[in-house]
Amino acid sequence: MFGRAKPSISADLRDWIKDSFDWADGQFGASWSLTRLLVTPTKTFFSAPGGQTQAVAQTIANDIGRQIPVREIPVEPLNRLSGEYRHSYQSLGETGGLYLEDDDGALILYDAEMMHRPLAFINTMTHELMHHRLGPFISEMPGGEPAHELSTDLHCITHGFGIFALEGPAQMGWSGYMTQESRAFALAYFLNKHSMDPKDALQWLSARPAKALKRALKEL
């Protein structure tokens, strides 16, 4: 009753997050780590105009790719019903985006309805582009192949897209692979690691993600 509050995530999960940050530094280099920025939903990082066209989606993907960095990958909308015919936006959760790669190259498919919620769309596109970034290293990352999708989620945060990783799922009403608590801890760790002001992230977060981040910052 009067003991300490239970930590938001387990010690093992904390260690995996920290080990994954260390792995990224080792794999991509000190200069890469030192130049990491907190990507924000502003014109500083995104050049796409308004709208929900495929051209806008491609521009957003290219903007994300420059920050990661990965080469430009073509994106195409999934052949799905318009959102007005669906039960809820939550139904987008299972196939918000798909990364495909074969001998002809890579392709990302996306649910066009997600573009009505830009932060969620950017989060999904970042996750799919991160598949391309991490593809050669799946077995080498902490957790290996079984943690592949979790690692892909996490490295969106190690690469600076933590605001979208937290706020995007909150907009859509689903979690994805990592929990919001583990994403919040990872973003707090990113901010601490790079000596960034938490306010730079908090100003873009709605109430519940902001609360989770504040708690994670205290736990650090």
N, C-alpha and C. Protein backbone atom coordinates (compact mmCIF):
# COMPACT_ATOMS: atom_id res chain seq x y z
N MET A 1 0.83 -1.22 0.00
CA MET A 1 0.00 0.00 0.00
C MET A 1 0.85 1.26 0.00
N PHE A 2 1.95 1.23 0.79
CA PHE A 2 2.77 2.41 0.91
C PHE A 2 4.13 2.23 0.24
N GLY A 3 4.28 1.17 -0.56
CA GLY A 3 5.54 0.93 -1.24
C GLY A 3 5.71 1.82 -2.45
N ARG A 4 6.81 1.59 -3.14
CA ARG A 4 7.09 2.37 -4.34
C ARG A 4 6.15 1.96 -5.47
N ALA A 5 5.90 2.92 -6.35
CA ALA A 5 5.07 2.62 -7.51
C ALA A 5 5.78 1.63 -8.41
N LYS A 6 5.02 0.74 -9.00
CA LYS A 6 5.59 -0.25 -9.89
C LYS A 6 6.13 0.44 -11.14
N PRO A 7 7.34 0.07 -11.61
CA PRO A 7 7.88 0.68 -12.83
C PRO A 7 6.96 0.45 -14.02
N SER A 8 6.99 1.36 -14.95
CA SER A 8 6.09 1.27 -16.10
C SER A 8 6.45 0.10 -17.01
N ILE A 9 7.72 -0.28 -17.07
CA ILE A 9 8.14 -1.44 -17.86
C ILE A 9 9.14 -2.24 -17.04
N SER A 10 9.34 -3.49 -17.42
CA SER A 10 10.21 -4.38 -16.66
C SER A 10 11.68 -4.02 -16.84
N ALA A 11 12.50 -4.52 -15.93
CA ALA A 11 13.94 -4.29 -16.02
C ALA A 11 14.51 -4.92 -17.28
N ASP A 12 14.01 -6.09 -17.66
CA ASP A 12 14.50 -6.74 -18.87
C ASP A 12 14.19 -5.91 -20.11
N LEU A 13 13.00 -5.32 -20.15
CA LEU A 13 12.63 -4.50 -21.30
C LEU A 13 13.46 -3.22 -21.34
N ARG A 14 13.73 -2.65 -20.20
CA ARG A 14 14.61 -1.48 -20.15
C ARG A 14 15.98 -1.82 -20.71
N ASP A 15 16.51 -2.97 -20.27
CA ASP A 15 17.85 -3.38 -20.73
C ASP A 15 17.86 -3.60 -22.24
N TRP A 16 16.79 -4.19 -22.76
CA TRP A 16 16.72 -4.42 -24.21
C TRP A 16 16.70 -3.09 -24.96
N ILE A 17 15.95 -2.13 -24.46
CA ILE A 17 15.91 -0.80 -25.10
C ILE A 17 17.29 -0.15 -25.08
N LYS A 18 17.95 -0.17 -23.93
CA LYS A 18 19.28 0.43 -23.84
C LYS A 18 20.28 -0.30 -24.72
N ASP A 19 20.23 -1.63 -24.72
CA ASP A 19 21.13 -2.41 -25.57
C ASP A 19 20.90 -2.10 -27.04
N SER A 20 19.66 -1.85 -27.40
CA SER A 20 19.33 -1.54 -28.80
C SER A 20 19.87 -0.17 -29.20
N PHE A 21 19.81 0.79 -28.30
CA PHE A 21 20.43 2.09 -28.57
C PHE A 21 21.94 1.91 -28.76
N ASP A 22 22.57 1.12 -27.89
CA ASP A 22 24.01 0.88 -28.01
C ASP A 22 24.34 0.18 -29.33
N TRP A 23 23.48 -0.77 -29.71
CA TRP A 23 23.71 -1.48 -30.97
C TRP A 23 23.65 -0.50 -32.14
N ALA A 24 22.67 0.38 -32.15
CA ALA A 24 22.55 1.35 -33.24
C ALA A 24 23.78 2.25 -33.32
N ASP A 25 24.27 2.69 -32.17
CA ASP A 25 25.49 3.51 -32.16
C ASP A 25 26.66 2.75 -32.75
N GLY A 26 26.79 1.48 -32.35
CA GLY A 26 27.89 0.68 -32.86
C GLY A 26 27.76 0.37 -34.34
N GLN A 27 26.55 0.13 -34.79
CA GLN A 27 26.33 -0.24 -36.19
C GLN A 27 26.43 0.95 -37.13
N PHE A 28 25.86 2.09 -36.73
CA PHE A 28 25.77 3.22 -37.64
C PHE A 28 26.80 4.30 -37.37
N GLY A 29 27.52 4.19 -36.26
CA GLY A 29 28.66 5.05 -36.03
C GLY A 29 28.41 6.24 -35.12
N ALA A 30 29.50 6.73 -34.53
CA ALA A 30 29.42 7.85 -33.59
C ALA A 30 28.92 9.11 -34.27
N SER A 31 29.36 9.35 -35.50
CA SER A 31 28.93 10.58 -36.19
C SER A 31 27.43 10.55 -36.45
N TRP A 32 26.91 9.36 -36.78
CA TRP A 32 25.46 9.21 -36.96
C TRP A 32 24.74 9.53 -35.66
N SER A 33 25.21 8.98 -34.56
CA SER A 33 24.57 9.19 -33.26
C SER A 33 24.58 10.67 -32.87
N LEU A 34 25.70 11.33 -33.09
CA LEU A 34 25.83 12.72 -32.68
C LEU A 34 24.96 13.66 -33.50
N THR A 35 24.58 13.24 -34.67
CA THR A 35 23.76 14.11 -35.53
C THR A 35 22.27 13.77 -35.46
N ARG A 36 21.88 12.90 -34.54
CA ARG A 36 20.46 12.59 -34.40
C ARG A 36 19.69 13.82 -33.94
N LEU A 37 18.58 14.08 -34.58
CA LEU A 37 17.69 15.17 -34.22
C LEU A 37 16.35 14.60 -33.79
N LEU A 38 15.63 15.34 -32.99
CA LEU A 38 14.25 15.00 -32.67
C LEU A 38 13.39 15.51 -33.80
N VAL A 39 12.87 14.61 -34.60
CA VAL A 39 12.07 15.00 -35.76
C VAL A 39 10.70 15.47 -35.28
N THR A 40 10.28 16.62 -35.76
CA THR A 40 9.00 17.21 -35.36
C THR A 40 8.11 17.38 -36.58
N PRO A 41 6.80 17.46 -36.40
CA PRO A 41 5.88 17.64 -37.54
C PRO A 41 5.86 19.09 -38.02
N THR A 42 6.99 19.51 -38.56
CA THR A 42 7.15 20.90 -39.00
C THR A 42 7.82 20.93 -40.37
N LYS A 43 7.85 22.12 -40.96
CA LYS A 43 8.47 22.30 -42.26
C LYS A 43 9.99 22.12 -42.21
N THR A 44 10.54 22.11 -41.01
CA THR A 44 11.97 21.84 -40.88
C THR A 44 12.32 20.46 -41.42
N PHE A 45 11.38 19.52 -41.26
CA PHE A 45 11.64 18.14 -41.64
C PHE A 45 10.77 17.63 -42.78
N PHE A 46 9.65 18.29 -43.04
CA PHE A 46 8.71 17.78 -44.03
C PHE A 46 8.36 18.86 -45.05
N SER A 47 8.49 18.48 -46.32
CA SER A 47 8.27 19.43 -47.41
C SER A 47 6.97 19.20 -48.15
N ALA A 48 6.24 18.15 -47.78
CA ALA A 48 5.03 17.79 -48.51
C ALA A 48 3.93 18.83 -48.31
N PRO A 49 3.17 19.13 -49.36
CA PRO A 49 2.00 20.01 -49.21
C PRO A 49 0.86 19.25 -48.56
N GLY A 50 -0.24 19.92 -48.31
CA GLY A 50 -1.41 19.25 -47.79
C GLY A 50 -2.04 18.34 -48.84
N GLY A 51 -2.93 17.46 -48.36
CA GLY A 51 -3.62 16.57 -49.28
C GLY A 51 -3.34 15.11 -48.99
N GLN A 52 -4.07 14.25 -49.67
CA GLN A 52 -3.96 12.81 -49.44
C GLN A 52 -3.66 12.05 -50.73
N THR A 53 -2.97 12.68 -51.66
CA THR A 53 -2.66 12.03 -52.92
C THR A 53 -1.43 11.13 -52.78
N GLN A 54 -1.24 10.27 -53.77
CA GLN A 54 -0.07 9.41 -53.78
C GLN A 54 1.21 10.24 -53.88
N ALA A 55 1.17 11.33 -54.61
CA ALA A 55 2.34 12.21 -54.72
C ALA A 55 2.73 12.78 -53.37
N VAL A 56 1.73 13.16 -52.57
CA VAL A 56 2.01 13.67 -51.22
C VAL A 56 2.60 12.56 -50.36
N ALA A 57 2.03 11.36 -50.43
CA ALA A 57 2.56 10.23 -49.67
C ALA A 57 4.00 9.94 -50.04
N GLN A 58 4.32 10.01 -51.32
CA GLN A 58 5.69 9.76 -51.76
C GLN A 58 6.64 10.83 -51.22
N THR A 59 6.20 12.07 -51.23
CA THR A 59 7.04 13.15 -50.70
C THR A 59 7.30 12.96 -49.21
N ILE A 60 6.26 12.57 -48.46
CA ILE A 60 6.43 12.30 -47.03
C ILE A 60 7.43 11.16 -46.82
N ALA A 61 7.28 10.09 -47.60
CA ALA A 61 8.21 8.97 -47.48
C ALA A 61 9.64 9.41 -47.79
N ASN A 62 9.81 10.23 -48.80
CA ASN A 62 11.15 10.71 -49.15
C ASN A 62 11.73 11.59 -48.05
N ASP A 63 10.88 12.42 -47.44
CA ASP A 63 11.33 13.27 -46.33
C ASP A 63 11.80 12.41 -45.15
N ILE A 64 11.04 11.37 -44.83
CA ILE A 64 11.42 10.46 -43.76
C ILE A 64 12.73 9.76 -44.11
N GLY A 65 12.81 9.28 -45.34
CA GLY A 65 14.00 8.54 -45.76
C GLY A 65 15.27 9.35 -45.65
N ARG A 66 15.20 10.65 -45.92
CA ARG A 66 16.39 11.49 -45.79
C ARG A 66 16.86 11.59 -44.36
N GLN A 67 15.93 11.54 -43.42
CA GLN A 67 16.29 11.66 -42.01
C GLN A 67 16.88 10.36 -41.47
N ILE A 68 16.45 9.21 -41.99
CA ILE A 68 16.86 7.93 -41.38
C ILE A 68 18.37 7.67 -41.43
N PRO A 69 19.09 7.63 -42.55
CA PRO A 69 18.69 7.80 -43.94
C PRO A 69 18.58 6.45 -44.67
N VAL A 70 17.67 6.41 -45.65
CA VAL A 70 17.59 5.30 -46.60
C VAL A 70 17.31 5.91 -47.96
N ARG A 71 17.54 5.14 -49.01
CA ARG A 71 17.27 5.62 -50.36
C ARG A 71 15.77 5.77 -50.57
N GLU A 72 15.39 6.48 -51.62
CA GLU A 72 13.98 6.65 -51.93
C GLU A 72 13.36 5.32 -52.35
N ILE A 73 12.21 5.01 -51.77
CA ILE A 73 11.49 3.78 -52.07
C ILE A 73 10.09 4.16 -52.55
N PRO A 74 9.62 3.61 -53.65
CA PRO A 74 8.28 3.96 -54.14
C PRO A 74 7.20 3.50 -53.18
N VAL A 75 6.14 4.28 -53.08
CA VAL A 75 5.00 3.94 -52.22
C VAL A 75 3.73 3.94 -53.06
N GLU A 76 2.83 3.03 -52.72
CA GLU A 76 1.55 2.93 -53.43
C GLU A 76 0.44 2.65 -52.42
N PRO A 77 -0.77 3.16 -52.68
CA PRO A 77 -1.88 2.90 -51.76
C PRO A 77 -2.38 1.46 -51.88
N LEU A 78 -2.77 0.90 -50.75
CA LEU A 78 -3.43 -0.40 -50.74
C LEU A 78 -4.80 -0.28 -51.40
N ASN A 79 -5.25 -1.34 -51.99
CA ASN A 79 -6.58 -1.37 -52.60
C ASN A 79 -7.59 -1.72 -51.51
N ARG A 80 -8.08 -0.68 -50.83
CA ARG A 80 -9.00 -0.90 -49.72
C ARG A 80 -10.19 0.03 -49.83
N LEU A 81 -11.24 -0.32 -49.11
CA LEU A 81 -12.44 0.52 -49.07
C LEU A 81 -12.13 1.88 -48.47
N SER A 82 -12.85 2.87 -48.93
CA SER A 82 -12.77 4.19 -48.33
C SER A 82 -13.19 4.12 -46.86
N GLY A 83 -12.63 5.01 -46.05
CA GLY A 83 -12.89 5.00 -44.63
C GLY A 83 -14.36 5.15 -44.26
N GLU A 84 -15.14 5.82 -45.10
CA GLU A 84 -16.56 6.02 -44.77
C GLU A 84 -17.34 4.72 -44.76
N TYR A 85 -16.77 3.66 -45.37
CA TYR A 85 -17.45 2.37 -45.40
C TYR A 85 -16.95 1.41 -44.33
N ARG A 86 -16.01 1.86 -43.53
CA ARG A 86 -15.43 0.98 -42.52
C ARG A 86 -16.04 1.25 -41.16
N HIS A 87 -15.94 0.24 -40.29
CA HIS A 87 -16.53 0.37 -38.96
C HIS A 87 -15.84 1.44 -38.13
N SER A 88 -14.50 1.48 -38.17
CA SER A 88 -13.77 2.45 -37.37
C SER A 88 -12.35 2.58 -37.90
N TYR A 89 -11.68 3.65 -37.49
CA TYR A 89 -10.28 3.82 -37.86
C TYR A 89 -9.41 2.72 -37.25
N GLN A 90 -9.85 2.15 -36.12
CA GLN A 90 -9.06 1.09 -35.50
C GLN A 90 -8.86 -0.08 -36.46
N SER A 91 -9.78 -0.25 -37.41
CA SER A 91 -9.65 -1.34 -38.36
C SER A 91 -8.47 -1.15 -39.29
N LEU A 92 -7.84 0.02 -39.26
CA LEU A 92 -6.65 0.25 -40.07
C LEU A 92 -5.43 -0.41 -39.46
N GLY A 93 -5.51 -0.77 -38.19
CA GLY A 93 -4.32 -1.18 -37.45
C GLY A 93 -3.56 -2.34 -38.01
N GLU A 94 -4.26 -3.34 -38.59
CA GLU A 94 -3.58 -4.54 -39.02
C GLU A 94 -2.80 -4.35 -40.32
N THR A 95 -3.26 -3.49 -41.20
CA THR A 95 -2.61 -3.32 -42.49
C THR A 95 -2.42 -1.84 -42.82
N GLY A 96 -1.96 -1.07 -41.86
CA GLY A 96 -1.72 0.33 -42.12
C GLY A 96 -0.62 0.54 -43.16
N GLY A 97 0.33 -0.40 -43.19
CA GLY A 97 1.42 -0.32 -44.14
C GLY A 97 2.08 -1.68 -44.31
N LEU A 98 2.68 -1.88 -45.47
CA LEU A 98 3.38 -3.13 -45.77
C LEU A 98 4.68 -2.81 -46.49
N TYR A 99 5.76 -3.47 -46.07
CA TYR A 99 7.04 -3.34 -46.77
C TYR A 99 7.26 -4.62 -47.56
N LEU A 100 7.50 -4.48 -48.86
CA LEU A 100 7.71 -5.62 -49.74
C LEU A 100 9.06 -5.46 -50.43
N GLU A 101 9.76 -6.57 -50.60
CA GLU A 101 11.04 -6.51 -51.30
C GLU A 101 11.27 -7.83 -52.03
N ASP A 102 11.69 -7.73 -53.30
CA ASP A 102 12.04 -8.91 -54.07
C ASP A 102 13.19 -8.53 -55.00
N ASP A 103 13.45 -9.36 -55.99
CA ASP A 103 14.57 -9.12 -56.90
C ASP A 103 14.40 -7.83 -57.69
N ASP A 104 13.16 -7.37 -57.83
CA ASP A 104 12.91 -6.14 -58.59
C ASP A 104 13.07 -4.88 -57.75
N GLY A 105 13.25 -5.04 -56.44
CA GLY A 105 13.42 -3.89 -55.57
C GLY A 105 12.41 -3.85 -54.44
N ALA A 106 12.35 -2.71 -53.75
CA ALA A 106 11.47 -2.55 -52.59
C ALA A 106 10.26 -1.71 -52.95
N LEU A 107 9.17 -1.93 -52.22
CA LEU A 107 7.93 -1.19 -52.41
C LEU A 107 7.21 -1.11 -51.07
N ILE A 108 6.62 0.04 -50.78
CA ILE A 108 5.81 0.20 -49.57
C ILE A 108 4.37 0.45 -49.98
N LEU A 109 3.47 -0.33 -49.40
CA LEU A 109 2.03 -0.13 -49.58
C LEU A 109 1.47 0.51 -48.33
N TYR A 110 0.53 1.42 -48.47
CA TYR A 110 -0.01 2.13 -47.33
C TYR A 110 -1.53 2.27 -47.47
N ASP A 111 -2.19 2.39 -46.33
CA ASP A 111 -3.63 2.65 -46.31
C ASP A 111 -3.85 4.15 -46.45
N ALA A 112 -4.42 4.56 -47.55
CA ALA A 112 -4.59 6.00 -47.83
C ALA A 112 -5.42 6.71 -46.78
N GLU A 113 -6.32 5.99 -46.10
CA GLU A 113 -7.16 6.63 -45.08
C GLU A 113 -6.33 7.16 -43.92
N MET A 114 -5.16 6.58 -43.68
CA MET A 114 -4.32 7.04 -42.58
C MET A 114 -3.80 8.45 -42.81
N MET A 115 -3.79 8.89 -44.05
CA MET A 115 -3.26 10.22 -44.34
C MET A 115 -4.12 11.32 -43.74
N HIS A 116 -5.34 10.99 -43.34
CA HIS A 116 -6.19 11.97 -42.66
C HIS A 116 -5.68 12.25 -41.24
N ARG A 117 -4.79 11.41 -40.74
CA ARG A 117 -4.17 11.60 -39.43
C ARG A 117 -2.67 11.59 -39.65
N PRO A 118 -2.09 12.75 -39.98
CA PRO A 118 -0.71 12.83 -40.48
C PRO A 118 0.34 12.21 -39.55
N LEU A 119 0.25 12.42 -38.25
CA LEU A 119 1.28 11.87 -37.37
C LEU A 119 1.23 10.35 -37.37
N ALA A 120 0.02 9.79 -37.42
CA ALA A 120 -0.11 8.34 -37.50
C ALA A 120 0.45 7.83 -38.82
N PHE A 121 0.18 8.54 -39.89
CA PHE A 121 0.68 8.13 -41.20
C PHE A 121 2.20 8.18 -41.24
N ILE A 122 2.77 9.24 -40.71
CA ILE A 122 4.24 9.36 -40.69
C ILE A 122 4.85 8.23 -39.85
N ASN A 123 4.21 7.91 -38.74
CA ASN A 123 4.72 6.81 -37.91
C ASN A 123 4.72 5.50 -38.68
N THR A 124 3.63 5.22 -39.38
CA THR A 124 3.54 3.98 -40.16
C THR A 124 4.57 3.94 -41.27
N MET A 125 4.73 5.04 -41.98
CA MET A 125 5.71 5.08 -43.06
C MET A 125 7.13 4.95 -42.53
N THR A 126 7.40 5.53 -41.37
CA THR A 126 8.72 5.40 -40.77
C THR A 126 9.01 3.95 -40.43
N HIS A 127 8.01 3.27 -39.87
CA HIS A 127 8.18 1.85 -39.53
C HIS A 127 8.49 1.03 -40.78
N GLU A 128 7.79 1.28 -41.87
CA GLU A 128 8.03 0.50 -43.09
C GLU A 128 9.39 0.81 -43.69
N LEU A 129 9.78 2.06 -43.69
CA LEU A 129 11.11 2.43 -44.18
C LEU A 129 12.21 1.86 -43.29
N MET A 130 11.93 1.75 -42.00
CA MET A 130 12.92 1.19 -41.08
C MET A 130 13.16 -0.29 -41.36
N HIS A 131 12.17 -0.98 -41.92
CA HIS A 131 12.39 -2.36 -42.36
C HIS A 131 13.54 -2.42 -43.37
N HIS A 132 13.56 -1.45 -44.28
CA HIS A 132 14.63 -1.42 -45.27
C HIS A 132 15.97 -1.11 -44.61
N ARG A 133 15.97 -0.20 -43.67
CA ARG A 133 17.19 0.18 -42.95
C ARG A 133 17.79 -1.00 -42.19
N LEU A 134 16.93 -1.77 -41.55
CA LEU A 134 17.39 -2.82 -40.65
C LEU A 134 17.48 -4.19 -41.29
N GLY A 135 16.97 -4.34 -42.51
CA GLY A 135 16.90 -5.64 -43.15
C GLY A 135 18.18 -6.45 -43.10
N PRO A 136 19.35 -5.86 -43.36
CA PRO A 136 20.58 -6.65 -43.36
C PRO A 136 21.06 -7.08 -41.97
N PHE A 137 20.42 -6.55 -40.92
CA PHE A 137 20.96 -6.76 -39.57
C PHE A 137 20.01 -7.49 -38.63
N ILE A 138 18.96 -8.11 -39.16
CA ILE A 138 17.92 -8.68 -38.31
C ILE A 138 18.48 -9.62 -37.25
N SER A 139 19.35 -10.52 -37.66
CA SER A 139 19.87 -11.51 -36.71
C SER A 139 20.87 -10.93 -35.74
N GLU A 140 21.44 -9.76 -36.06
CA GLU A 140 22.48 -9.16 -35.23
C GLU A 140 21.92 -8.28 -34.11
N MET A 141 20.70 -7.79 -34.28
CA MET A 141 20.14 -6.85 -33.32
C MET A 141 19.79 -7.55 -32.01
N PRO A 142 19.80 -6.84 -30.89
CA PRO A 142 19.39 -7.44 -29.62
C PRO A 142 18.00 -8.07 -29.74
N GLY A 143 17.91 -9.34 -29.39
CA GLY A 143 16.66 -10.07 -29.53
C GLY A 143 16.55 -10.87 -30.80
N GLY A 144 17.38 -10.54 -31.81
CA GLY A 144 17.41 -11.28 -33.05
C GLY A 144 16.10 -11.30 -33.81
N GLU A 145 15.90 -12.33 -34.62
CA GLU A 145 14.72 -12.45 -35.47
C GLU A 145 13.40 -12.40 -34.71
N PRO A 146 13.28 -13.07 -33.53
CA PRO A 146 11.99 -13.03 -32.82
C PRO A 146 11.55 -11.61 -32.43
N ALA A 147 12.51 -10.72 -32.27
CA ALA A 147 12.20 -9.34 -31.87
C ALA A 147 12.22 -8.38 -33.05
N HIS A 148 12.15 -8.91 -34.27
CA HIS A 148 12.32 -8.08 -35.46
C HIS A 148 11.34 -6.91 -35.51
N GLU A 149 10.05 -7.18 -35.38
CA GLU A 149 9.06 -6.11 -35.47
C GLU A 149 9.17 -5.15 -34.29
N LEU A 150 9.44 -5.68 -33.11
CA LEU A 150 9.65 -4.81 -31.95
C LEU A 150 10.85 -3.90 -32.18
N SER A 151 11.93 -4.48 -32.72
CA SER A 151 13.13 -3.68 -32.99
C SER A 151 12.85 -2.61 -34.03
N THR A 152 12.04 -2.94 -35.02
CA THR A 152 11.70 -1.96 -36.05
C THR A 152 10.95 -0.79 -35.43
N ASP A 153 10.01 -1.08 -34.56
CA ASP A 153 9.32 -0.01 -33.82
C ASP A 153 10.31 0.82 -33.02
N LEU A 154 11.18 0.15 -32.28
CA LEU A 154 12.11 0.86 -31.40
C LEU A 154 13.07 1.74 -32.17
N HIS A 155 13.57 1.25 -33.31
CA HIS A 155 14.58 2.03 -34.02
C HIS A 155 13.98 3.23 -34.74
N CYS A 156 12.66 3.28 -34.86
CA CYS A 156 12.06 4.56 -35.27
C CYS A 156 12.38 5.63 -34.23
N ILE A 157 12.48 5.22 -32.98
CA ILE A 157 12.77 6.16 -31.89
C ILE A 157 14.26 6.46 -31.81
N THR A 158 15.11 5.42 -31.96
CA THR A 158 16.56 5.68 -31.94
C THR A 158 16.96 6.61 -33.08
N HIS A 159 16.17 6.62 -34.14
CA HIS A 159 16.49 7.45 -35.31
C HIS A 159 15.83 8.83 -35.25
N GLY A 160 15.12 9.14 -34.16
CA GLY A 160 14.60 10.49 -33.98
C GLY A 160 13.12 10.69 -34.15
N PHE A 161 12.37 9.60 -34.45
CA PHE A 161 10.94 9.74 -34.74
C PHE A 161 10.05 9.37 -33.54
N GLY A 162 10.54 9.62 -32.34
CA GLY A 162 9.81 9.24 -31.14
C GLY A 162 8.48 9.94 -30.95
N ILE A 163 8.37 11.19 -31.36
CA ILE A 163 7.10 11.91 -31.25
C ILE A 163 6.01 11.17 -32.02
N PHE A 164 6.33 10.76 -33.23
CA PHE A 164 5.36 10.06 -34.07
C PHE A 164 5.09 8.65 -33.53
N ALA A 165 6.12 8.02 -32.97
CA ALA A 165 5.96 6.68 -32.42
C ALA A 165 4.99 6.66 -31.24
N LEU A 166 4.95 7.73 -30.48
CA LEU A 166 4.02 7.83 -29.34
C LEU A 166 2.66 8.37 -29.74
N GLU A 167 2.66 9.44 -30.51
CA GLU A 167 1.40 10.11 -30.82
C GLU A 167 0.62 9.38 -31.92
N GLY A 168 1.31 8.78 -32.85
CA GLY A 168 0.63 8.09 -33.94
C GLY A 168 -0.32 6.99 -33.46
N PRO A 169 0.15 6.04 -32.66
CA PRO A 169 -0.76 5.01 -32.14
C PRO A 169 -1.88 5.59 -31.29
N ALA A 170 -1.59 6.66 -30.55
CA ALA A 170 -2.63 7.29 -29.74
C ALA A 170 -3.74 7.85 -30.64
N GLN A 171 -3.37 8.42 -31.77
CA GLN A 171 -4.37 8.94 -32.72
C GLN A 171 -5.25 7.84 -33.27
N MET A 172 -4.65 6.67 -33.48
CA MET A 172 -5.38 5.57 -34.12
C MET A 172 -6.09 4.67 -33.13
N GLY A 173 -5.75 4.76 -31.85
CA GLY A 173 -6.41 3.93 -30.85
C GLY A 173 -5.88 2.52 -30.77
N TRP A 174 -4.62 2.30 -31.23
CA TRP A 174 -4.01 0.98 -31.10
C TRP A 174 -2.53 1.14 -30.83
N SER A 175 -1.92 0.07 -30.36
CA SER A 175 -0.54 0.17 -29.89
C SER A 175 0.50 -0.15 -30.94
N GLY A 176 0.27 -1.15 -31.76
CA GLY A 176 1.34 -1.61 -32.65
C GLY A 176 2.13 -2.72 -31.97
N TYR A 177 3.42 -2.77 -32.20
CA TYR A 177 4.24 -3.86 -31.66
C TYR A 177 4.72 -3.55 -30.23
N MET A 178 5.31 -2.39 -30.03
CA MET A 178 5.70 -1.99 -28.67
C MET A 178 4.49 -1.41 -27.95
N THR A 179 4.53 -1.45 -26.64
CA THR A 179 3.50 -0.77 -25.84
C THR A 179 3.82 0.71 -25.78
N GLN A 180 2.83 1.51 -25.44
CA GLN A 180 3.06 2.94 -25.29
C GLN A 180 4.04 3.23 -24.16
N GLU A 181 3.99 2.42 -23.09
CA GLU A 181 4.91 2.62 -21.96
C GLU A 181 6.36 2.39 -22.40
N SER A 182 6.58 1.35 -23.21
CA SER A 182 7.94 1.07 -23.64
C SER A 182 8.41 2.12 -24.66
N ARG A 183 7.50 2.59 -25.50
CA ARG A 183 7.87 3.68 -26.41
C ARG A 183 8.22 4.95 -25.63
N ALA A 184 7.43 5.23 -24.61
CA ALA A 184 7.69 6.43 -23.80
C ALA A 184 9.05 6.35 -23.14
N PHE A 185 9.40 5.16 -22.62
CA PHE A 185 10.72 5.00 -21.99
C PHE A 185 11.82 5.20 -23.03
N ALA A 186 11.63 4.64 -24.22
CA ALA A 186 12.63 4.79 -25.26
C ALA A 186 12.80 6.25 -25.68
N LEU A 187 11.70 6.97 -25.79
CA LEU A 187 11.80 8.39 -26.15
C LEU A 187 12.46 9.17 -25.03
N ALA A 188 12.13 8.86 -23.78
CA ALA A 188 12.79 9.53 -22.65
C ALA A 188 14.29 9.25 -22.68
N TYR A 189 14.65 8.02 -22.99
CA TYR A 189 16.07 7.65 -23.06
C TYR A 189 16.75 8.41 -24.19
N PHE A 190 16.08 8.54 -25.33
CA PHE A 190 16.62 9.29 -26.47
C PHE A 190 16.86 10.75 -26.08
N LEU A 191 15.88 11.37 -25.45
CA LEU A 191 16.01 12.77 -25.06
C LEU A 191 17.15 12.95 -24.07
N ASN A 192 17.25 12.04 -23.10
CA ASN A 192 18.31 12.11 -22.11
C ASN A 192 19.68 11.90 -22.74
N LYS A 193 19.76 10.92 -23.60
CA LYS A 193 21.02 10.56 -24.27
C LYS A 193 21.57 11.72 -25.08
N HIS A 194 20.69 12.47 -25.72
CA HIS A 194 21.12 13.56 -26.59
C HIS A 194 20.96 14.93 -25.94
N SER A 195 20.74 14.94 -24.63
CA SER A 195 20.66 16.19 -23.85
C SER A 195 19.64 17.16 -24.45
N MET A 196 18.47 16.65 -24.76
CA MET A 196 17.39 17.45 -25.34
C MET A 196 16.37 17.83 -24.29
N ASP A 197 15.75 18.97 -24.47
CA ASP A 197 14.71 19.45 -23.57
C ASP A 197 13.43 18.65 -23.80
N PRO A 198 12.90 17.98 -22.77
CA PRO A 198 11.66 17.21 -22.94
C PRO A 198 10.51 18.03 -23.49
N LYS A 199 10.50 19.33 -23.25
CA LYS A 199 9.42 20.18 -23.75
C LYS A 199 9.35 20.14 -25.27
N ASP A 200 10.49 19.89 -25.92
CA ASP A 200 10.50 19.85 -27.38
C ASP A 200 9.66 18.69 -27.91
N ALA A 201 9.54 17.63 -27.11
CA ALA A 201 8.69 16.50 -27.48
C ALA A 201 7.28 16.65 -26.91
N LEU A 202 7.18 17.08 -25.67
CA LEU A 202 5.89 17.15 -24.99
C LEU A 202 4.90 18.07 -25.68
N GLN A 203 5.39 19.12 -26.31
CA GLN A 203 4.48 20.10 -26.94
C GLN A 203 3.68 19.49 -28.09
N TRP A 204 4.15 18.33 -28.62
CA TRP A 204 3.47 17.71 -29.75
C TRP A 204 2.60 16.53 -29.34
N LEU A 205 2.60 16.20 -28.06
CA LEU A 205 1.90 15.01 -27.60
C LEU A 205 0.56 15.36 -26.94
N SER A 206 -0.43 14.53 -27.18
CA SER A 206 -1.70 14.67 -26.48
C SER A 206 -1.57 14.17 -25.05
N ALA A 207 -2.64 14.24 -24.29
CA ALA A 207 -2.57 14.06 -22.84
C ALA A 207 -1.97 12.72 -22.41
N ARG A 208 -2.46 11.60 -22.93
CA ARG A 208 -2.01 10.29 -22.46
C ARG A 208 -0.56 9.99 -22.85
N PRO A 209 -0.15 10.21 -24.10
CA PRO A 209 1.26 10.02 -24.42
C PRO A 209 2.17 10.95 -23.62
N ALA A 210 1.73 12.20 -23.40
CA ALA A 210 2.54 13.13 -22.62
C ALA A 210 2.71 12.64 -21.19
N LYS A 211 1.64 12.11 -20.61
CA LYS A 211 1.71 11.57 -19.25
C LYS A 211 2.69 10.39 -19.19
N ALA A 212 2.63 9.52 -20.19
CA ALA A 212 3.54 8.37 -20.22
C ALA A 212 4.98 8.82 -20.34
N LEU A 213 5.24 9.83 -21.16
CA LEU A 213 6.61 10.33 -21.32
C LEU A 213 7.11 10.98 -20.03
N LYS A 214 6.27 11.76 -19.37
CA LYS A 214 6.68 12.40 -18.11
C LYS A 214 7.04 11.35 -17.06
N ARG A 215 6.24 10.28 -17.01
CA ARG A 215 6.53 9.21 -16.05
C ARG A 215 7.86 8.54 -16.38
N ALA A 216 8.09 8.27 -17.66
CA ALA A 216 9.34 7.64 -18.07
C ALA A 216 10.54 8.52 -17.76
N LEU A 217 10.39 9.82 -17.95
CA LEU A 217 11.48 10.75 -17.64
C LEU A 217 11.82 10.71 -16.15
N LYS A 218 10.81 10.62 -15.32
CA LYS A 218 11.04 10.52 -13.88
C LYS A 218 11.74 9.21 -13.52
N GLU A 219 11.35 8.13 -14.21
CA GLU A 219 11.96 6.83 -13.93
C GLU A 219 13.42 6.78 -14.33
N LEU A 220 13.79 7.58 -15.31
CA LEU A 220 15.20 7.66 -15.69
C LEU A 220 16.03 8.36 -14.62
